[in-house]
Amino acid sequence: MSRLKRKHREDIKFVSGKMGVNDLFDNMIKAACRINDEEYDYICENLTDDESLIFLKDDELSIKEKREFLRILESHLEKFYA
């Protein structure tokens, strides 16, 4: 499922109320990637160490890294829906 197809999703649930740092981080990733909890859990469980370095990089991503990030995201979502 491409990011454009995920554009107007209704099934993304954000944690609200009493939140911790982990909840804020999870909400940020889900909003930026437009993924729901099940997809997010699957991606977190299946990221390799090299993929996680790009996926969780705190500096601004270069164009090459953004392409790689999208490739990683799309490949894991494709496996999730297979």
C-alpha atoms as a PDB file:
ATOM      1  CA  MET A   1       0.000   0.000   0.000  1.00  0.00           C
ATOM      2  CA  SER A   2       1.598   3.247  -1.121  1.00  0.00           C
ATOM      3  CA  ARG A   3       1.746   6.381   1.014  1.00  0.00           C
ATOM      4  CA  LEU A   4      -0.748   8.098  -1.294  1.00  0.00           C
ATOM      5  CA  LYS A   5      -3.239   5.265  -0.782  1.00  0.00           C
ATOM      6  CA  ARG A   6      -2.766   5.671   2.976  1.00  0.00           C
ATOM      7  CA  LYS A   7      -3.458   9.423   2.785  1.00  0.00           C
ATOM      8  CA  HIS A   8      -6.983   9.629   4.250  1.00  0.00           C
ATOM      9  CA  ARG A   9      -6.994   6.694   6.628  1.00  0.00           C
ATOM     10  CA  GLU A  10      -9.522   6.535   9.422  1.00  0.00           C
ATOM     11  CA  ASP A  11      -7.997   3.528  11.210  1.00  0.00           C
ATOM     12  CA  ILE A  12      -4.924   5.238  12.681  1.00  0.00           C
ATOM     13  CA  LYS A  13      -5.448   5.493  16.430  1.00  0.00           C
ATOM     14  CA  PHE A  14      -3.206   7.880  18.343  1.00  0.00           C
ATOM     15  CA  VAL A  15      -2.559   7.555  22.051  1.00  0.00           C
ATOM     16  CA  SER A  16      -3.983  10.494  23.939  1.00  0.00           C
ATOM     17  CA  GLY A  17      -4.495  11.481  27.545  1.00  0.00           C
ATOM     18  CA  LYS A  18      -1.710  10.472  29.897  1.00  0.00           C
ATOM     19  CA  MET A  19       1.177   9.732  27.522  1.00  0.00           C
ATOM     20  CA  GLY A  20       4.771   8.779  28.037  1.00  0.00           C
ATOM     21  CA  VAL A  21       7.760   9.439  25.832  1.00  0.00           C
ATOM     22  CA  ASN A  22       7.251   6.108  24.045  1.00  0.00           C
ATOM     23  CA  ASP A  23       3.638   7.012  23.184  1.00  0.00           C
ATOM     24  CA  LEU A  24       4.733  10.376  21.768  1.00  0.00           C
ATOM     25  CA  PHE A  25       7.390   8.673  19.661  1.00  0.00           C
ATOM     26  CA  ASP A  26       4.916   6.031  18.431  1.00  0.00           C
ATOM     27  CA  ASN A  27       2.362   8.704  17.513  1.00  0.00           C
ATOM     28  CA  MET A  28       5.003  10.661  15.596  1.00  0.00           C
ATOM     29  CA  ILE A  29       6.041   7.617  13.537  1.00  0.00           C
ATOM     30  CA  LYS A  30       2.429   6.555  12.855  1.00  0.00           C
ATOM     31  CA  ALA A  31       1.482  10.080  11.730  1.00  0.00           C
ATOM     32  CA  ALA A  32       4.551  10.554   9.519  1.00  0.00           C
ATOM     33  CA  CYS A  33       4.243   7.135   7.867  1.00  0.00           C
ATOM     34  CA  ARG A  34       0.426   7.024   7.893  1.00  0.00           C
ATOM     35  CA  ILE A  35       0.343   3.542   9.377  1.00  0.00           C
ATOM     36  CA  ASN A  36      -1.909   1.965  11.983  1.00  0.00           C
ATOM     37  CA  ASP A  37      -0.919   0.094  15.155  1.00  0.00           C
ATOM     38  CA  GLU A  38      -0.836  -3.365  13.554  1.00  0.00           C
ATOM     39  CA  GLU A  39       1.348  -2.182  10.674  1.00  0.00           C
ATOM     40  CA  TYR A  40       3.620  -0.294  13.071  1.00  0.00           C
ATOM     41  CA  ASP A  41       4.013  -3.358  15.304  1.00  0.00           C
ATOM     42  CA  TYR A  42       4.826  -5.556  12.301  1.00  0.00           C
ATOM     43  CA  ILE A  43       7.437  -3.115  11.016  1.00  0.00           C
ATOM     44  CA  CYS A  44       9.067  -2.788  14.448  1.00  0.00           C
ATOM     45  CA  GLU A  45       9.257  -6.561  14.830  1.00  0.00           C
ATOM     46  CA  ASN A  46      10.755  -7.119  11.379  1.00  0.00           C
ATOM     47  CA  LEU A  47      13.219  -4.253  10.889  1.00  0.00           C
ATOM     48  CA  THR A  48      16.814  -5.343  10.546  1.00  0.00           C
ATOM     49  CA  ASP A  49      19.537  -3.445  12.392  1.00  0.00           C
ATOM     50  CA  ASP A  50      20.620  -1.653   9.197  1.00  0.00           C
ATOM     51  CA  GLU A  51      17.036  -0.705   8.337  1.00  0.00           C
ATOM     52  CA  SER A  52      16.368   0.600  11.824  1.00  0.00           C
ATOM     53  CA  LEU A  53      19.316   3.008  11.532  1.00  0.00           C
ATOM     54  CA  ILE A  54      17.604   4.727   8.594  1.00  0.00           C
ATOM     55  CA  PHE A  55      14.074   4.309   9.935  1.00  0.00           C
ATOM     56  CA  LEU A  56      14.909   5.927  13.288  1.00  0.00           C
ATOM     57  CA  LYS A  57      17.549   8.444  12.219  1.00  0.00           C
ATOM     58  CA  ASP A  58      17.188  11.681  14.198  1.00  0.00           C
ATOM     59  CA  ASP A  59      19.066  13.928  11.737  1.00  0.00           C
ATOM     60  CA  GLU A  60      17.469  15.251   8.582  1.00  0.00           C
ATOM     61  CA  LEU A  61      17.447  12.588   5.899  1.00  0.00           C
ATOM     62  CA  SER A  62      19.142  13.117   2.555  1.00  0.00           C
ATOM     63  CA  ILE A  63      17.188  12.430  -0.635  1.00  0.00           C
ATOM     64  CA  LYS A  64      18.931   9.054  -0.949  1.00  0.00           C
ATOM     65  CA  GLU A  65      18.023   8.166   2.649  1.00  0.00           C
ATOM     66  CA  LYS A  66      14.406   9.264   2.103  1.00  0.00           C
ATOM     67  CA  ARG A  67      14.166   6.955  -0.896  1.00  0.00           C
ATOM     68  CA  GLU A  68      15.636   4.123   1.152  1.00  0.00           C
ATOM     69  CA  PHE A  69      13.230   4.881   4.018  1.00  0.00           C
ATOM     70  CA  LEU A  70      10.239   4.690   1.668  1.00  0.00           C
ATOM     71  CA  ARG A  71      11.574   1.485   0.108  1.00  0.00           C
ATOM     72  CA  ILE A  72      11.900  -0.088   3.561  1.00  0.00           C
ATOM     73  CA  LEU A  73       8.432   1.057   4.608  1.00  0.00           C
ATOM     74  CA  GLU A  74       6.760  -0.121   1.394  1.00  0.00           C
ATOM     75  CA  SER A  75       8.518  -3.500   1.406  1.00  0.00           C
ATOM     76  CA  HIS A  76       7.469  -4.236   4.984  1.00  0.00           C
ATOM     77  CA  LEU A  77       3.883  -3.139   4.352  1.00  0.00           C
ATOM     78  CA  GLU A  78       3.793  -5.316   1.220  1.00  0.00           C
ATOM     79  CA  LYS A  79       4.882  -8.309   3.327  1.00  0.00           C
ATOM     80  CA  PHE A  80       2.327  -7.393   6.005  1.00  0.00           C
ATOM     81  CA  TYR A  81      -0.539  -7.488   3.490  1.00  0.00           C
ATOM     82  CA  ALA A  82       0.741 -10.576   1.618  1.00  0.00           C
END
